[in-house]
Amino acid sequence: MPRAQKKYVEVVKPKLKEQFQYKNDHQIPRLTKITINMGVGKAVENKARIEHAVRDLTLIAGQKAAITKARKSISQFKLRKDVPIGAMVTLRKARMYEFFDRLVSVVIPRLRDFRGMKRKLDGQGNYSLGLSEQMVFPEINLDNVQFVQGMDITLTTTAKTDEEGLALLAGLGMPFKNEGDS
């Protein structure tokens, strides 16, 4: 059992049940999936960028990344329908908890000028964050990086409200800013 999952079962779950007065264990919010997305807009000009993004994302996630394609043509961006423009991966169960643990304990502390994550969820208890470069992950060998590429990470939970989602993620170790900080 991954370390973050063990923490959820042993520490976070009982704390949430007591805090929100849940009558049933199935009401307690939990992490359902983590989606990592790399939009590679420059791939229209350079096809190698997609291959590098897929390779890096596969290394980061520990699971083969899927190539995403354009849904429709947009002439201003020189984009045609079905042209590869990104890569994404969806993590669930053990891999999701392993990735979350690495994100919280290794990656986020390596961010430049880090003072805590914003306490802004999407209204349904899900949290999204963006990273400007893939090099903050220890799996990426800096000598093999041809292109600096950003990514979006979405943590999807079963929480019904932002308050429940914040309590869940904070309990799991997500380093949020304090209420008074801006």
N, C-alpha and C. Protein backbone atom coordinates (compact mmCIF):
# COMPACT_ATOMS: atom_id res chain seq x y z
N MET A 1 0.85 -1.18 0.00
CA MET A 1 0.00 0.00 0.00
C MET A 1 0.89 1.24 0.00
N PRO A 2 0.67 2.18 -0.94
CA PRO A 2 1.47 3.41 -0.99
C PRO A 2 1.33 4.22 0.31
N ARG A 3 2.36 5.00 0.59
CA ARG A 3 2.42 5.77 1.82
C ARG A 3 1.25 6.75 1.96
N ALA A 4 0.88 7.44 0.88
CA ALA A 4 -0.22 8.41 0.93
C ALA A 4 -1.56 7.70 1.15
N GLN A 5 -1.72 6.54 0.56
CA GLN A 5 -2.97 5.78 0.73
C GLN A 5 -3.08 5.29 2.18
N LYS A 6 -1.97 4.84 2.73
CA LYS A 6 -1.96 4.38 4.12
C LYS A 6 -2.31 5.54 5.06
N LYS A 7 -1.77 6.73 4.77
CA LYS A 7 -2.06 7.92 5.58
C LYS A 7 -3.55 8.26 5.48
N TYR A 8 -4.12 8.13 4.27
CA TYR A 8 -5.54 8.42 4.09
C TYR A 8 -6.40 7.48 4.94
N VAL A 9 -6.11 6.19 4.87
CA VAL A 9 -6.91 5.19 5.59
C VAL A 9 -6.76 5.33 7.10
N GLU A 10 -5.53 5.52 7.57
CA GLU A 10 -5.29 5.51 9.01
C GLU A 10 -5.50 6.85 9.71
N VAL A 11 -5.24 7.97 9.03
CA VAL A 11 -5.29 9.27 9.69
C VAL A 11 -6.40 10.16 9.14
N VAL A 12 -6.41 10.37 7.83
CA VAL A 12 -7.30 11.36 7.22
C VAL A 12 -8.77 10.94 7.28
N LYS A 13 -9.04 9.69 6.95
CA LYS A 13 -10.43 9.20 6.89
C LYS A 13 -11.15 9.35 8.24
N PRO A 14 -10.56 8.88 9.36
CA PRO A 14 -11.24 9.07 10.65
C PRO A 14 -11.40 10.54 11.04
N LYS A 15 -10.40 11.36 10.70
CA LYS A 15 -10.46 12.78 11.02
C LYS A 15 -11.60 13.47 10.25
N LEU A 16 -11.73 13.15 8.96
CA LEU A 16 -12.80 13.73 8.14
C LEU A 16 -14.18 13.27 8.62
N LYS A 17 -14.27 11.99 9.01
CA LYS A 17 -15.55 11.44 9.48
C LYS A 17 -16.01 12.19 10.73
N GLU A 18 -15.05 12.47 11.62
CA GLU A 18 -15.39 13.19 12.84
C GLU A 18 -15.69 14.67 12.55
N GLN A 19 -14.87 15.30 11.70
CA GLN A 19 -15.01 16.73 11.41
C GLN A 19 -16.34 17.06 10.74
N PHE A 20 -16.76 16.26 9.76
CA PHE A 20 -17.97 16.56 8.99
C PHE A 20 -19.18 15.72 9.42
N GLN A 21 -19.02 14.91 10.49
CA GLN A 21 -20.11 14.13 11.05
C GLN A 21 -20.78 13.21 10.02
N TYR A 22 -19.96 12.47 9.27
CA TYR A 22 -20.52 11.51 8.31
C TYR A 22 -21.05 10.29 9.06
N LYS A 23 -22.20 9.79 8.61
CA LYS A 23 -22.79 8.61 9.25
C LYS A 23 -22.30 7.32 8.57
N ASN A 24 -21.88 7.44 7.31
CA ASN A 24 -21.48 6.28 6.53
C ASN A 24 -20.07 6.50 5.98
N ASP A 25 -19.23 5.46 5.97
CA ASP A 25 -17.86 5.58 5.45
C ASP A 25 -17.81 5.97 3.98
N HIS A 26 -18.85 5.63 3.22
CA HIS A 26 -18.86 5.95 1.79
C HIS A 26 -19.10 7.43 1.51
N GLN A 27 -19.52 8.17 2.52
CA GLN A 27 -19.71 9.62 2.37
C GLN A 27 -18.39 10.38 2.49
N ILE A 28 -17.40 9.75 3.08
CA ILE A 28 -16.11 10.41 3.32
C ILE A 28 -15.43 10.67 1.98
N PRO A 29 -15.01 11.92 1.72
CA PRO A 29 -14.35 12.23 0.44
C PRO A 29 -13.04 11.46 0.28
N ARG A 30 -12.74 11.12 -0.96
CA ARG A 30 -11.48 10.43 -1.27
C ARG A 30 -10.99 10.91 -2.63
N LEU A 31 -9.73 10.68 -2.88
CA LEU A 31 -9.11 10.99 -4.16
C LEU A 31 -9.51 9.89 -5.14
N THR A 32 -10.07 10.26 -6.31
CA THR A 32 -10.48 9.23 -7.28
C THR A 32 -9.50 9.10 -8.43
N LYS A 33 -8.96 10.24 -8.92
CA LYS A 33 -8.00 10.16 -10.02
C LYS A 33 -7.16 11.43 -10.07
N ILE A 34 -6.01 11.29 -10.70
CA ILE A 34 -5.13 12.43 -10.97
C ILE A 34 -4.88 12.44 -12.47
N THR A 35 -5.18 13.56 -13.11
CA THR A 35 -4.98 13.70 -14.55
C THR A 35 -3.84 14.68 -14.78
N ILE A 36 -2.87 14.26 -15.58
CA ILE A 36 -1.73 15.11 -15.92
C ILE A 36 -1.82 15.39 -17.42
N ASN A 37 -1.79 16.66 -17.79
CA ASN A 37 -1.96 17.06 -19.17
C ASN A 37 -0.84 17.99 -19.61
N MET A 38 -0.26 17.71 -20.77
CA MET A 38 0.74 18.60 -21.37
C MET A 38 0.21 19.06 -22.71
N GLY A 39 -0.10 20.33 -22.82
CA GLY A 39 -0.49 20.88 -24.11
C GLY A 39 0.75 21.34 -24.83
N VAL A 40 0.99 20.80 -26.02
CA VAL A 40 2.21 21.10 -26.76
C VAL A 40 1.81 21.87 -28.02
N GLY A 41 1.56 23.16 -27.87
CA GLY A 41 1.13 23.98 -28.99
C GLY A 41 2.16 24.09 -30.10
N LYS A 42 3.43 24.06 -29.73
CA LYS A 42 4.51 24.19 -30.72
C LYS A 42 4.67 22.91 -31.55
N ALA A 43 3.92 21.86 -31.23
CA ALA A 43 4.03 20.60 -31.97
C ALA A 43 3.56 20.75 -33.42
N VAL A 44 2.79 21.80 -33.70
CA VAL A 44 2.34 22.04 -35.07
C VAL A 44 3.54 22.27 -35.98
N GLU A 45 4.55 23.01 -35.47
CA GLU A 45 5.75 23.28 -36.26
C GLU A 45 6.80 22.18 -36.14
N ASN A 46 6.89 21.55 -34.98
CA ASN A 46 7.95 20.58 -34.73
C ASN A 46 7.36 19.30 -34.15
N LYS A 47 7.28 18.26 -34.97
CA LYS A 47 6.66 16.99 -34.56
C LYS A 47 7.43 16.29 -33.43
N ALA A 48 8.72 16.58 -33.29
CA ALA A 48 9.54 15.93 -32.26
C ALA A 48 9.09 16.33 -30.86
N ARG A 49 8.48 17.50 -30.74
CA ARG A 49 8.04 17.97 -29.42
C ARG A 49 7.01 17.03 -28.79
N ILE A 50 6.13 16.48 -29.60
CA ILE A 50 5.12 15.54 -29.08
C ILE A 50 5.80 14.29 -28.52
N GLU A 51 6.76 13.75 -29.27
CA GLU A 51 7.46 12.54 -28.82
C GLU A 51 8.21 12.79 -27.51
N HIS A 52 8.84 13.96 -27.39
CA HIS A 52 9.55 14.30 -26.15
C HIS A 52 8.57 14.49 -24.99
N ALA A 53 7.43 15.12 -25.26
CA ALA A 53 6.42 15.32 -24.22
C ALA A 53 5.87 13.99 -23.73
N VAL A 54 5.59 13.07 -24.66
CA VAL A 54 5.09 11.74 -24.29
C VAL A 54 6.13 10.99 -23.47
N ARG A 55 7.38 11.07 -23.89
CA ARG A 55 8.46 10.38 -23.16
C ARG A 55 8.58 10.93 -21.74
N ASP A 56 8.61 12.26 -21.61
CA ASP A 56 8.75 12.88 -20.29
C ASP A 56 7.54 12.57 -19.40
N LEU A 57 6.34 12.67 -19.97
CA LEU A 57 5.14 12.42 -19.19
C LEU A 57 5.05 10.96 -18.75
N THR A 58 5.49 10.05 -19.60
CA THR A 58 5.52 8.62 -19.24
C THR A 58 6.49 8.38 -18.10
N LEU A 59 7.65 9.04 -18.13
CA LEU A 59 8.62 8.92 -17.03
C LEU A 59 8.05 9.47 -15.72
N ILE A 60 7.41 10.62 -15.81
CA ILE A 60 6.86 11.28 -14.62
C ILE A 60 5.74 10.46 -13.99
N ALA A 61 4.83 9.96 -14.81
CA ALA A 61 3.64 9.28 -14.30
C ALA A 61 3.87 7.81 -14.01
N GLY A 62 4.84 7.19 -14.67
CA GLY A 62 5.04 5.76 -14.50
C GLY A 62 4.01 4.95 -15.27
N GLN A 63 3.39 5.59 -16.24
CA GLN A 63 2.34 4.96 -17.05
C GLN A 63 2.38 5.61 -18.42
N LYS A 64 2.15 4.84 -19.48
CA LYS A 64 2.25 5.34 -20.85
C LYS A 64 1.28 6.49 -21.07
N ALA A 65 1.79 7.59 -21.60
CA ALA A 65 0.97 8.76 -21.88
C ALA A 65 0.25 8.61 -23.21
N ALA A 66 -0.97 9.12 -23.27
CA ALA A 66 -1.75 9.08 -24.50
C ALA A 66 -1.57 10.41 -25.24
N ILE A 67 -1.53 10.33 -26.56
CA ILE A 67 -1.41 11.54 -27.37
C ILE A 67 -2.81 12.10 -27.60
N THR A 68 -2.97 13.41 -27.35
CA THR A 68 -4.26 14.06 -27.61
C THR A 68 -4.18 14.78 -28.95
N LYS A 69 -5.31 14.77 -29.67
CA LYS A 69 -5.35 15.38 -31.00
C LYS A 69 -6.33 16.53 -31.02
N ALA A 70 -6.13 17.44 -31.96
CA ALA A 70 -7.01 18.60 -32.10
C ALA A 70 -8.41 18.14 -32.51
N ARG A 71 -9.43 18.71 -31.88
CA ARG A 71 -10.81 18.32 -32.19
C ARG A 71 -11.32 19.00 -33.44
N LYS A 72 -10.82 20.22 -33.70
CA LYS A 72 -11.25 20.92 -34.90
C LYS A 72 -10.13 21.78 -35.44
N SER A 73 -10.25 22.18 -36.68
CA SER A 73 -9.24 23.02 -37.32
C SER A 73 -9.42 24.47 -36.90
N ILE A 74 -8.30 25.16 -36.65
CA ILE A 74 -8.31 26.59 -36.34
C ILE A 74 -7.21 27.23 -37.17
N SER A 75 -7.61 27.99 -38.18
CA SER A 75 -6.64 28.52 -39.15
C SER A 75 -5.67 29.53 -38.53
N GLN A 76 -6.12 30.34 -37.55
CA GLN A 76 -5.24 31.33 -36.95
C GLN A 76 -4.05 30.68 -36.26
N PHE A 77 -4.21 29.46 -35.76
CA PHE A 77 -3.13 28.76 -35.08
C PHE A 77 -2.45 27.74 -35.99
N LYS A 78 -2.80 27.75 -37.29
CA LYS A 78 -2.26 26.79 -38.25
C LYS A 78 -2.50 25.36 -37.78
N LEU A 79 -3.68 25.14 -37.23
CA LEU A 79 -4.02 23.86 -36.64
C LEU A 79 -5.07 23.13 -37.47
N ARG A 80 -4.81 21.87 -37.76
CA ARG A 80 -5.77 21.05 -38.49
C ARG A 80 -6.38 20.01 -37.56
N LYS A 81 -7.56 19.56 -37.92
CA LYS A 81 -8.24 18.54 -37.12
C LYS A 81 -7.40 17.26 -37.10
N ASP A 82 -7.39 16.57 -35.94
CA ASP A 82 -6.69 15.30 -35.73
C ASP A 82 -5.16 15.39 -35.77
N VAL A 83 -4.60 16.59 -35.64
CA VAL A 83 -3.15 16.75 -35.55
C VAL A 83 -2.77 16.61 -34.07
N PRO A 84 -1.74 15.83 -33.72
CA PRO A 84 -1.34 15.69 -32.31
C PRO A 84 -0.90 17.03 -31.72
N ILE A 85 -1.52 17.40 -30.58
CA ILE A 85 -1.17 18.68 -29.95
C ILE A 85 -0.91 18.57 -28.46
N GLY A 86 -0.87 17.36 -27.93
CA GLY A 86 -0.62 17.23 -26.49
C GLY A 86 -0.50 15.79 -26.06
N ALA A 87 -0.28 15.62 -24.77
CA ALA A 87 -0.19 14.29 -24.16
C ALA A 87 -0.85 14.35 -22.79
N MET A 88 -1.47 13.25 -22.41
CA MET A 88 -2.11 13.22 -21.11
C MET A 88 -2.08 11.81 -20.53
N VAL A 89 -2.22 11.76 -19.21
CA VAL A 89 -2.24 10.48 -18.52
C VAL A 89 -3.22 10.61 -17.34
N THR A 90 -3.97 9.54 -17.09
CA THR A 90 -4.89 9.51 -15.95
C THR A 90 -4.44 8.41 -15.00
N LEU A 91 -4.16 8.79 -13.77
CA LEU A 91 -3.68 7.84 -12.77
C LEU A 91 -4.80 7.52 -11.78
N ARG A 92 -4.91 6.26 -11.44
CA ARG A 92 -5.90 5.82 -10.46
C ARG A 92 -5.25 4.84 -9.49
N LYS A 93 -5.92 4.61 -8.36
CA LYS A 93 -5.53 3.64 -7.33
C LYS A 93 -4.08 3.82 -6.86
N ALA A 94 -3.29 2.76 -6.86
CA ALA A 94 -1.94 2.81 -6.26
C ALA A 94 -1.03 3.81 -6.96
N ARG A 95 -1.04 3.84 -8.30
CA ARG A 95 -0.18 4.80 -9.03
C ARG A 95 -0.54 6.23 -8.70
N MET A 96 -1.84 6.49 -8.52
CA MET A 96 -2.30 7.83 -8.18
C MET A 96 -1.73 8.25 -6.83
N TYR A 97 -1.80 7.37 -5.84
CA TYR A 97 -1.28 7.71 -4.51
C TYR A 97 0.24 7.86 -4.53
N GLU A 98 0.94 7.02 -5.30
CA GLU A 98 2.40 7.14 -5.43
C GLU A 98 2.76 8.50 -6.03
N PHE A 99 2.05 8.89 -7.10
CA PHE A 99 2.32 10.17 -7.75
C PHE A 99 2.02 11.32 -6.80
N PHE A 100 0.89 11.25 -6.08
CA PHE A 100 0.52 12.31 -5.14
C PHE A 100 1.59 12.48 -4.07
N ASP A 101 2.09 11.36 -3.57
CA ASP A 101 3.14 11.40 -2.54
C ASP A 101 4.40 12.08 -3.08
N ARG A 102 4.81 11.72 -4.32
CA ARG A 102 5.99 12.35 -4.92
C ARG A 102 5.74 13.83 -5.18
N LEU A 103 4.53 14.17 -5.63
CA LEU A 103 4.18 15.57 -5.91
C LEU A 103 4.30 16.42 -4.65
N VAL A 104 3.75 15.93 -3.55
CA VAL A 104 3.72 16.71 -2.31
C VAL A 104 5.06 16.73 -1.59
N SER A 105 5.77 15.60 -1.57
CA SER A 105 6.99 15.54 -0.77
C SER A 105 8.26 15.91 -1.54
N VAL A 106 8.26 15.79 -2.87
CA VAL A 106 9.49 16.05 -3.63
C VAL A 106 9.33 17.23 -4.59
N VAL A 107 8.30 17.21 -5.42
CA VAL A 107 8.17 18.17 -6.52
C VAL A 107 7.80 19.57 -6.04
N ILE A 108 6.74 19.70 -5.27
CA ILE A 108 6.28 21.03 -4.84
C ILE A 108 7.35 21.77 -4.04
N PRO A 109 8.07 21.11 -3.12
CA PRO A 109 9.15 21.84 -2.43
C PRO A 109 10.28 22.31 -3.35
N ARG A 110 10.41 21.71 -4.54
CA ARG A 110 11.47 22.12 -5.47
C ARG A 110 11.08 23.32 -6.33
N LEU A 111 9.83 23.76 -6.24
CA LEU A 111 9.39 24.91 -7.04
C LEU A 111 10.09 26.18 -6.55
N ARG A 112 10.40 27.05 -7.51
CA ARG A 112 11.06 28.30 -7.17
C ARG A 112 10.10 29.23 -6.44
N ASP A 113 10.59 29.93 -5.43
CA ASP A 113 9.82 30.91 -4.66
C ASP A 113 8.49 30.34 -4.17
N PHE A 114 8.51 29.11 -3.66
CA PHE A 114 7.28 28.47 -3.23
C PHE A 114 6.89 28.92 -1.84
N ARG A 115 5.64 29.40 -1.71
CA ARG A 115 5.14 29.85 -0.41
C ARG A 115 3.81 29.19 -0.06
N GLY A 116 3.45 28.14 -0.75
CA GLY A 116 2.19 27.45 -0.48
C GLY A 116 1.28 27.49 -1.69
N MET A 117 0.41 26.48 -1.80
CA MET A 117 -0.52 26.40 -2.92
C MET A 117 -1.75 27.26 -2.60
N LYS A 118 -2.37 27.81 -3.63
CA LYS A 118 -3.59 28.60 -3.44
C LYS A 118 -4.71 27.68 -2.97
N ARG A 119 -5.59 28.23 -2.12
CA ARG A 119 -6.70 27.46 -1.56
C ARG A 119 -7.93 27.56 -2.46
N LYS A 120 -7.76 27.53 -3.75
CA LYS A 120 -8.87 27.72 -4.69
C LYS A 120 -9.21 26.40 -5.36
N LEU A 121 -10.38 25.85 -5.05
CA LEU A 121 -10.87 24.65 -5.70
C LEU A 121 -11.93 25.02 -6.72
N ASP A 122 -12.45 24.05 -7.45
CA ASP A 122 -13.35 24.35 -8.57
C ASP A 122 -14.84 24.43 -8.22
N GLY A 123 -15.19 24.31 -6.94
CA GLY A 123 -16.59 24.36 -6.56
C GLY A 123 -17.16 22.99 -6.27
N GLN A 124 -16.54 21.93 -6.80
CA GLN A 124 -16.99 20.56 -6.53
C GLN A 124 -15.93 19.76 -5.76
N GLY A 125 -14.96 20.44 -5.17
CA GLY A 125 -13.96 19.75 -4.36
C GLY A 125 -12.76 19.23 -5.14
N ASN A 126 -12.59 19.63 -6.40
CA ASN A 126 -11.45 19.20 -7.21
C ASN A 126 -10.41 20.31 -7.24
N TYR A 127 -9.13 19.94 -7.38
CA TYR A 127 -8.06 20.92 -7.34
C TYR A 127 -7.18 20.79 -8.58
N SER A 128 -6.87 21.92 -9.20
CA SER A 128 -5.99 21.94 -10.37
C SER A 128 -4.81 22.84 -10.10
N LEU A 129 -3.64 22.42 -10.59
CA LEU A 129 -2.46 23.25 -10.47
C LEU A 129 -1.65 23.14 -11.76
N GLY A 130 -0.89 24.15 -12.04
CA GLY A 130 -0.04 24.15 -13.23
C GLY A 130 1.41 24.27 -12.85
N LEU A 131 2.24 23.54 -13.57
CA LEU A 131 3.69 23.63 -13.39
C LEU A 131 4.27 24.18 -14.68
N SER A 132 5.23 25.08 -14.58
CA SER A 132 5.77 25.71 -15.78
C SER A 132 6.87 24.90 -16.46
N GLU A 133 7.41 23.90 -15.77
CA GLU A 133 8.45 23.09 -16.39
C GLU A 133 8.44 21.68 -15.82
N GLN A 134 8.82 20.72 -16.65
CA GLN A 134 8.82 19.32 -16.22
C GLN A 134 10.09 18.96 -15.45
N MET A 135 11.05 19.87 -15.41
CA MET A 135 12.35 19.55 -14.80
C MET A 135 12.33 19.51 -13.28
N VAL A 136 11.20 19.89 -12.64
CA VAL A 136 11.12 19.81 -11.18
C VAL A 136 10.93 18.37 -10.72
N PHE A 137 10.59 17.46 -11.65
CA PHE A 137 10.44 16.06 -11.29
C PHE A 137 11.80 15.38 -11.30
N PRO A 138 12.12 14.61 -10.26
CA PRO A 138 13.44 13.98 -10.20
C PRO A 138 13.64 12.89 -11.26
N GLU A 139 12.55 12.37 -11.85
CA GLU A 139 12.67 11.32 -12.87
C GLU A 139 13.25 11.85 -14.18
N ILE A 140 13.15 13.14 -14.40
CA ILE A 140 13.61 13.75 -15.65
C ILE A 140 15.11 14.02 -15.58
N ASN A 141 15.85 13.45 -16.52
CA ASN A 141 17.28 13.68 -16.62
C ASN A 141 17.48 15.00 -17.37
N LEU A 142 18.11 15.96 -16.73
CA LEU A 142 18.26 17.30 -17.31
C LEU A 142 19.06 17.29 -18.61
N ASP A 143 19.94 16.30 -18.80
CA ASP A 143 20.74 16.22 -20.02
C ASP A 143 19.90 15.81 -21.22
N ASN A 144 18.78 15.12 -21.00
CA ASN A 144 17.94 14.63 -22.09
C ASN A 144 16.80 15.57 -22.45
N VAL A 145 16.68 16.70 -21.76
CA VAL A 145 15.57 17.62 -22.02
C VAL A 145 15.89 18.51 -23.22
N GLN A 146 15.08 18.36 -24.28
CA GLN A 146 15.24 19.23 -25.45
C GLN A 146 14.37 20.48 -25.34
N PHE A 147 13.16 20.32 -24.78
CA PHE A 147 12.20 21.41 -24.69
C PHE A 147 11.68 21.52 -23.27
N VAL A 148 11.62 22.75 -22.76
CA VAL A 148 10.99 22.98 -21.46
C VAL A 148 9.49 23.00 -21.70
N GLN A 149 8.77 22.17 -20.95
CA GLN A 149 7.34 22.00 -21.20
C GLN A 149 6.58 22.08 -19.89
N GLY A 150 5.52 22.84 -19.86
CA GLY A 150 4.67 22.94 -18.67
C GLY A 150 3.61 21.85 -18.67
N MET A 151 2.87 21.77 -17.57
CA MET A 151 1.81 20.75 -17.47
C MET A 151 0.76 21.19 -16.48
N ASP A 152 -0.44 20.63 -16.64
CA ASP A 152 -1.54 20.86 -15.72
C ASP A 152 -1.80 19.56 -14.98
N ILE A 153 -2.03 19.65 -13.68
CA ILE A 153 -2.32 18.48 -12.87
C ILE A 153 -3.65 18.72 -12.19
N THR A 154 -4.60 17.79 -12.36
CA THR A 154 -5.92 17.92 -11.75
C THR A 154 -6.13 16.77 -10.78
N LEU A 155 -6.44 17.11 -9.53
CA LEU A 155 -6.74 16.12 -8.50
C LEU A 155 -8.26 16.05 -8.36
N THR A 156 -8.85 14.93 -8.75
CA THR A 156 -10.29 14.76 -8.71
C THR A 156 -10.68 14.00 -7.44
N THR A 157 -11.64 14.54 -6.70
CA THR A 157 -12.08 13.93 -5.45
C THR A 157 -13.58 13.66 -5.49
N THR A 158 -14.07 12.93 -4.50
CA THR A 158 -15.51 12.71 -4.37
C THR A 158 -16.15 13.74 -3.45
N ALA A 159 -15.40 14.74 -3.03
CA ALA A 159 -15.92 15.77 -2.13
C ALA A 159 -17.05 16.54 -2.80
N LYS A 160 -18.08 16.88 -2.02
CA LYS A 160 -19.23 17.62 -2.55
C LYS A 160 -19.00 19.13 -2.51
N THR A 161 -18.17 19.60 -1.58
CA THR A 161 -17.92 21.03 -1.44
C THR A 161 -16.41 21.30 -1.43
N ASP A 162 -16.05 22.55 -1.65
CA ASP A 162 -14.65 22.95 -1.60
C ASP A 162 -14.06 22.77 -0.20
N GLU A 163 -14.88 23.01 0.82
CA GLU A 163 -14.40 22.86 2.20
C GLU A 163 -13.98 21.41 2.47
N GLU A 164 -14.79 20.45 2.02
CA GLU A 164 -14.45 19.04 2.19
C GLU A 164 -13.20 18.68 1.39
N GLY A 165 -13.11 19.19 0.15
CA GLY A 165 -11.95 18.92 -0.70
C GLY A 165 -10.67 19.47 -0.10
N LEU A 166 -10.74 20.70 0.44
CA LEU A 166 -9.57 21.30 1.09
C LEU A 166 -9.14 20.48 2.31
N ALA A 167 -10.11 20.04 3.10
CA ALA A 167 -9.79 19.25 4.29
C ALA A 167 -9.13 17.93 3.89
N LEU A 168 -9.63 17.31 2.83
CA LEU A 168 -9.05 16.05 2.35
C LEU A 168 -7.61 16.25 1.88
N LEU A 169 -7.40 17.23 0.99
CA LEU A 169 -6.07 17.44 0.43
C LEU A 169 -5.08 17.93 1.48
N ALA A 170 -5.53 18.79 2.37
CA ALA A 170 -4.65 19.27 3.45
C ALA A 170 -4.28 18.11 4.37
N GLY A 171 -5.22 17.24 4.65
CA GLY A 171 -4.96 16.07 5.48
C GLY A 171 -3.95 15.13 4.84
N LEU A 172 -4.00 15.03 3.51
CA LEU A 172 -3.06 14.17 2.79
C LEU A 172 -1.66 14.79 2.67
N GLY A 173 -1.56 16.10 3.00
CA GLY A 173 -0.24 16.73 3.02
C GLY A 173 -0.02 17.81 1.98
N MET A 174 -1.05 18.23 1.27
CA MET A 174 -0.90 19.31 0.28
C MET A 174 -0.57 20.60 1.01
N PRO A 175 0.55 21.25 0.68
CA PRO A 175 0.98 22.45 1.40
C PRO A 175 0.24 23.72 0.92
N PHE A 176 -0.92 24.00 1.52
CA PHE A 176 -1.69 25.19 1.16
C PHE A 176 -1.17 26.40 1.90
N LYS A 177 -1.44 27.60 1.32
CA LYS A 177 -1.13 28.85 2.01
C LYS A 177 -2.03 28.96 3.22
N ASN A 178 -1.59 29.69 4.24
CA ASN A 178 -2.41 29.94 5.40
C ASN A 178 -3.54 30.89 5.02
N GLU A 179 -4.63 30.87 5.78
CA GLU A 179 -5.81 31.68 5.47
C GLU A 179 -5.47 33.17 5.31
N GLY A 180 -4.61 33.73 6.14
CA GLY A 180 -4.30 35.15 6.10
C GLY A 180 -3.37 35.55 4.98
N ASP A 181 -2.56 34.61 4.44
CA ASP A 181 -1.61 34.93 3.38
C ASP A 181 -2.34 35.21 2.08
N SER A 182 -1.77 36.08 1.27
CA SER A 182 -2.39 36.32 -0.04
C SER A 182 -1.46 35.99 -1.17
